[in-house]
Amino acid sequence: MSKSENTLLLLEAALERIVQGKPKRIPTFRKLSVRAVEEEADLGNGSGYYYPEFVTKVKQVKADIAEAKGEYVQPEIQSVRTKLNEQKRIKNNFKEKYEAERAKLALFAANQHHLNDKLVQAFARIDELEYENAELKEKLAETNRNKVTAIRQ
């Protein structure tokens, strides 16, 4: 037997022990996974993935166990689609919130610009009025000077 055949046999035996509920190296309450089978077979991390048909078998056994317990196990593609749809929904929610906040910011900026324009106009009007007030004070002073008469004794 070649080394890869021996490894596959070790993996198969470990899977069988886990299915029967009599593992040697892992706790009985641990969930079934390729990594759990690798640890039970005392193999390195990822060594089970060199055997794609074995990985498929582990997934099938896992689904069979869940089905026997009355649980519904979604196929992997269905669970990935569900996750993808959830991610799309979250992305759309964030996008809508972003657009709403962006619109608020644009409105705020427009209002700020409008108020700034009004402020500039008010300052210009104040300058005009101050200039006019200075001219009127000058005229008043001139008029009062002309009305002054000398007092002779």
C-alpha atoms as a PDB file:
ATOM      1  CA  MET A   1       0.000   0.000   0.000  1.00  0.00           C
ATOM      2  CA  SER A   2       1.156   3.478  -0.784  1.00  0.00           C
ATOM      3  CA  LYS A   3       1.411   6.246   1.773  1.00  0.00           C
ATOM      4  CA  SER A   4      -1.653   8.073   0.413  1.00  0.00           C
ATOM      5  CA  GLU A   5      -3.728   4.884   0.641  1.00  0.00           C
ATOM      6  CA  ASN A   6      -2.610   4.426   4.259  1.00  0.00           C
ATOM      7  CA  THR A   7      -3.552   8.024   5.051  1.00  0.00           C
ATOM      8  CA  LEU A   8      -6.954   7.548   3.466  1.00  0.00           C
ATOM      9  CA  LEU A   9      -7.495   4.383   5.510  1.00  0.00           C
ATOM     10  CA  LEU A  10      -6.539   6.248   8.696  1.00  0.00           C
ATOM     11  CA  LEU A  11      -9.034   8.981   7.837  1.00  0.00           C
ATOM     12  CA  GLU A  12     -11.784   6.475   7.056  1.00  0.00           C
ATOM     13  CA  ALA A  13     -11.188   4.616  10.336  1.00  0.00           C
ATOM     14  CA  ALA A  14     -11.212   7.870  12.289  1.00  0.00           C
ATOM     15  CA  LEU A  15     -14.464   8.929  10.612  1.00  0.00           C
ATOM     16  CA  GLU A  16     -16.028   5.593  11.485  1.00  0.00           C
ATOM     17  CA  ARG A  17     -14.995   5.926  15.159  1.00  0.00           C
ATOM     18  CA  ILE A  18     -16.471   9.425  15.329  1.00  0.00           C
ATOM     19  CA  VAL A  19     -19.733   8.280  13.713  1.00  0.00           C
ATOM     20  CA  GLN A  20     -20.016   5.402  16.207  1.00  0.00           C
ATOM     21  CA  GLY A  21     -19.430   7.846  19.078  1.00  0.00           C
ATOM     22  CA  LYS A  22     -16.193   6.192  20.244  1.00  0.00           C
ATOM     23  CA  PRO A  23     -13.364   8.567  19.283  1.00  0.00           C
ATOM     24  CA  LYS A  24      -9.919   8.033  20.840  1.00  0.00           C
ATOM     25  CA  ARG A  25      -8.294  11.458  20.542  1.00  0.00           C
ATOM     26  CA  ILE A  26     -11.115  14.036  20.404  1.00  0.00           C
ATOM     27  CA  PRO A  27     -14.033  14.686  22.775  1.00  0.00           C
ATOM     28  CA  THR A  28     -17.321  13.015  21.891  1.00  0.00           C
ATOM     29  CA  PHE A  29     -19.227  16.304  21.971  1.00  0.00           C
ATOM     30  CA  ARG A  30     -17.068  17.861  19.247  1.00  0.00           C
ATOM     31  CA  LYS A  31     -18.826  18.622  15.969  1.00  0.00           C
ATOM     32  CA  LEU A  32     -18.021  16.521  12.959  1.00  0.00           C
ATOM     33  CA  SER A  33     -15.658  18.225  10.528  1.00  0.00           C
ATOM     34  CA  VAL A  34     -12.726  17.333   8.338  1.00  0.00           C
ATOM     35  CA  ARG A  35     -10.405  18.870  10.930  1.00  0.00           C
ATOM     36  CA  ALA A  36     -11.951  16.754  13.703  1.00  0.00           C
ATOM     37  CA  VAL A  37     -11.420  13.615  11.617  1.00  0.00           C
ATOM     38  CA  GLU A  38      -7.803  14.661  10.940  1.00  0.00           C
ATOM     39  CA  GLU A  39      -7.162  15.083  14.658  1.00  0.00           C
ATOM     40  CA  GLU A  40      -8.828  11.747  15.416  1.00  0.00           C
ATOM     41  CA  ALA A  41      -6.591  10.097  12.798  1.00  0.00           C
ATOM     42  CA  ASP A  42      -3.606  11.920  14.355  1.00  0.00           C
ATOM     43  CA  LEU A  43      -2.786  13.626  11.045  1.00  0.00           C
ATOM     44  CA  GLY A  44      -1.693  17.163  10.270  1.00  0.00           C
ATOM     45  CA  ASN A  45      -3.973  20.093   9.644  1.00  0.00           C
ATOM     46  CA  GLY A  46      -5.293  20.038   6.062  1.00  0.00           C
ATOM     47  CA  SER A  47      -4.164  16.515   5.236  1.00  0.00           C
ATOM     48  CA  GLY A  48      -7.765  15.395   4.659  1.00  0.00           C
ATOM     49  CA  TYR A  49      -8.223  17.972   1.921  1.00  0.00           C
ATOM     50  CA  TYR A  50      -5.862  16.058  -0.363  1.00  0.00           C
ATOM     51  CA  TYR A  51      -8.750  13.626  -0.773  1.00  0.00           C
ATOM     52  CA  PRO A  52     -11.736  15.561  -2.177  1.00  0.00           C
ATOM     53  CA  GLU A  53     -13.951  12.466  -2.237  1.00  0.00           C
ATOM     54  CA  PHE A  54     -13.241  12.010   1.479  1.00  0.00           C
ATOM     55  CA  VAL A  55     -14.184  15.634   2.202  1.00  0.00           C
ATOM     56  CA  THR A  56     -17.439  15.072   0.318  1.00  0.00           C
ATOM     57  CA  LYS A  57     -18.051  11.914   2.344  1.00  0.00           C
ATOM     58  CA  VAL A  58     -17.516  13.778   5.643  1.00  0.00           C
ATOM     59  CA  LYS A  59     -19.994  16.457   4.564  1.00  0.00           C
ATOM     60  CA  GLN A  60     -22.505  13.796   3.543  1.00  0.00           C
ATOM     61  CA  VAL A  61     -22.117  11.923   6.857  1.00  0.00           C
ATOM     62  CA  LYS A  62     -22.523  15.205   8.712  1.00  0.00           C
ATOM     63  CA  ALA A  63     -25.737  15.925   6.765  1.00  0.00           C
ATOM     64  CA  ASP A  64     -26.997  12.378   7.418  1.00  0.00           C
ATOM     65  CA  ILE A  65     -26.378  12.728  11.164  1.00  0.00           C
ATOM     66  CA  ALA A  66     -28.178  16.061  11.256  1.00  0.00           C
ATOM     67  CA  GLU A  67     -31.077  14.624   9.251  1.00  0.00           C
ATOM     68  CA  ALA A  68     -31.330  11.692  11.667  1.00  0.00           C
ATOM     69  CA  LYS A  69     -31.624  14.179  14.527  1.00  0.00           C
ATOM     70  CA  GLY A  70     -34.445  15.924  12.691  1.00  0.00           C
ATOM     71  CA  GLU A  71     -32.410  19.006  11.798  1.00  0.00           C
ATOM     72  CA  TYR A  72     -32.421  20.532   8.360  1.00  0.00           C
ATOM     73  CA  VAL A  73     -28.969  21.036   6.906  1.00  0.00           C
ATOM     74  CA  GLN A  74     -28.755  23.454   4.034  1.00  0.00           C
ATOM     75  CA  PRO A  75     -26.530  22.456   1.173  1.00  0.00           C
ATOM     76  CA  GLU A  76     -23.301  24.426   1.158  1.00  0.00           C
ATOM     77  CA  ILE A  77     -24.236  26.414  -1.921  1.00  0.00           C
ATOM     78  CA  GLN A  78     -27.560  27.396  -0.355  1.00  0.00           C
ATOM     79  CA  SER A  79     -25.882  28.578   2.844  1.00  0.00           C
ATOM     80  CA  VAL A  80     -23.357  30.583   0.811  1.00  0.00           C
ATOM     81  CA  ARG A  81     -26.210  32.173  -1.143  1.00  0.00           C
ATOM     82  CA  THR A  82     -28.012  33.002   2.093  1.00  0.00           C
ATOM     83  CA  LYS A  83     -24.879  34.654   3.465  1.00  0.00           C
ATOM     84  CA  LEU A  84     -24.376  36.522   0.201  1.00  0.00           C
ATOM     85  CA  ASN A  85     -27.949  37.809   0.229  1.00  0.00           C
ATOM     86  CA  GLU A  86     -27.528  38.905   3.839  1.00  0.00           C
ATOM     87  CA  GLN A  87     -24.319  40.739   2.933  1.00  0.00           C
ATOM     88  CA  LYS A  88     -26.079  42.423  -0.005  1.00  0.00           C
ATOM     89  CA  ARG A  89     -28.919  43.504   2.270  1.00  0.00           C
ATOM     90  CA  ILE A  90     -26.465  44.954   4.784  1.00  0.00           C
ATOM     91  CA  LYS A  91     -24.553  46.705   1.997  1.00  0.00           C
ATOM     92  CA  ASN A  92     -27.765  48.224   0.616  1.00  0.00           C
ATOM     93  CA  ASN A  93     -28.778  49.414   4.092  1.00  0.00           C
ATOM     94  CA  PHE A  94     -25.427  51.117   4.547  1.00  0.00           C
ATOM     95  CA  LYS A  95     -25.642  52.591   1.056  1.00  0.00           C
ATOM     96  CA  GLU A  96     -29.112  54.024   1.763  1.00  0.00           C
ATOM     97  CA  LYS A  97     -27.951  55.469   5.078  1.00  0.00           C
ATOM     98  CA  TYR A  98     -24.887  56.937   3.355  1.00  0.00           C
ATOM     99  CA  GLU A  99     -27.005  58.539   0.635  1.00  0.00           C
ATOM    100  CA  ALA A 100     -29.440  59.942   3.215  1.00  0.00           C
ATOM    101  CA  GLU A 101     -26.606  61.442   5.259  1.00  0.00           C
ATOM    102  CA  ARG A 102     -24.978  62.766   2.095  1.00  0.00           C
ATOM    103  CA  ALA A 103     -28.237  64.505   1.134  1.00  0.00           C
ATOM    104  CA  LYS A 104     -28.486  65.988   4.639  1.00  0.00           C
ATOM    105  CA  LEU A 105     -24.908  67.213   4.349  1.00  0.00           C
ATOM    106  CA  ALA A 106     -25.614  68.814   0.964  1.00  0.00           C
ATOM    107  CA  LEU A 107     -28.689  70.554   2.402  1.00  0.00           C
ATOM    108  CA  PHE A 108     -26.674  71.707   5.403  1.00  0.00           C
ATOM    109  CA  ALA A 109     -23.923  73.054   3.125  1.00  0.00           C
ATOM    110  CA  ALA A 110     -26.487  74.908   0.988  1.00  0.00           C
ATOM    111  CA  ASN A 111     -28.051  76.465   4.087  1.00  0.00           C
ATOM    112  CA  GLN A 112     -24.619  77.378   5.404  1.00  0.00           C
ATOM    113  CA  HIS A 113     -23.738  79.038   2.086  1.00  0.00           C
ATOM    114  CA  HIS A 114     -27.044  80.936   2.114  1.00  0.00           C
ATOM    115  CA  LEU A 115     -26.441  82.158   5.676  1.00  0.00           C
ATOM    116  CA  ASN A 116     -22.867  83.133   4.829  1.00  0.00           C
ATOM    117  CA  ASP A 117     -24.140  85.158   1.857  1.00  0.00           C
ATOM    118  CA  LYS A 118     -26.672  86.912   4.103  1.00  0.00           C
ATOM    119  CA  LEU A 119     -23.910  87.666   6.605  1.00  0.00           C
ATOM    120  CA  VAL A 120     -21.713  89.213   3.918  1.00  0.00           C
ATOM    121  CA  GLN A 121     -24.648  91.337   2.747  1.00  0.00           C
ATOM    122  CA  ALA A 122     -25.381  92.414   6.340  1.00  0.00           C
ATOM    123  CA  PHE A 123     -21.748  93.440   6.869  1.00  0.00           C
ATOM    124  CA  ALA A 124     -21.813  95.444   3.630  1.00  0.00           C
ATOM    125  CA  ARG A 125     -25.038  97.181   4.756  1.00  0.00           C
ATOM    126  CA  ILE A 126     -23.498  97.905   8.161  1.00  0.00           C
ATOM    127  CA  ASP A 127     -20.487  99.492   6.472  1.00  0.00           C
ATOM    128  CA  GLU A 128     -22.814 101.636   4.312  1.00  0.00           C
ATOM    129  CA  LEU A 129     -24.841 102.726   7.331  1.00  0.00           C
ATOM    130  CA  GLU A 130     -21.726 103.540   9.368  1.00  0.00           C
ATOM    131  CA  TYR A 131     -20.407 105.644   6.491  1.00  0.00           C
ATOM    132  CA  GLU A 132     -23.787 107.412   6.161  1.00  0.00           C
ATOM    133  CA  ASN A 133     -23.924 107.933   9.928  1.00  0.00           C
ATOM    134  CA  ALA A 134     -20.450 109.509   9.911  1.00  0.00           C
ATOM    135  CA  GLU A 135     -21.495 111.862   7.072  1.00  0.00           C
ATOM    136  CA  LEU A 136     -24.677 112.880   8.910  1.00  0.00           C
ATOM    137  CA  LYS A 137     -22.749 113.549  12.126  1.00  0.00           C
ATOM    138  CA  GLU A 138     -20.365 115.738  10.171  1.00  0.00           C
ATOM    139  CA  LYS A 139     -23.264 117.698   8.617  1.00  0.00           C
ATOM    140  CA  LEU A 140     -24.936 118.079  12.011  1.00  0.00           C
ATOM    141  CA  ALA A 141     -21.750 119.380  13.545  1.00  0.00           C
ATOM    142  CA  GLU A 142     -21.323 121.797  10.636  1.00  0.00           C
ATOM    143  CA  THR A 143     -24.912 123.015  11.000  1.00  0.00           C
ATOM    144  CA  ASN A 144     -24.520 123.494  14.749  1.00  0.00           C
ATOM    145  CA  ARG A 145     -21.319 125.481  14.194  1.00  0.00           C
ATOM    146  CA  ASN A 146     -23.129 127.813  11.802  1.00  0.00           C
ATOM    147  CA  LYS A 147     -25.888 128.497  14.352  1.00  0.00           C
ATOM    148  CA  VAL A 148     -23.512 129.531  17.045  1.00  0.00           C
ATOM    149  CA  THR A 149     -23.512 133.249  17.610  1.00  0.00           C
ATOM    150  CA  ALA A 150     -21.016 135.218  19.493  1.00  0.00           C
ATOM    151  CA  ILE A 151     -22.157 136.668  22.811  1.00  0.00           C
ATOM    152  CA  ARG A 152     -21.090 140.284  23.303  1.00  0.00           C
ATOM    153  CA  GLN A 153     -21.097 141.969  26.529  1.00  0.00           C
END
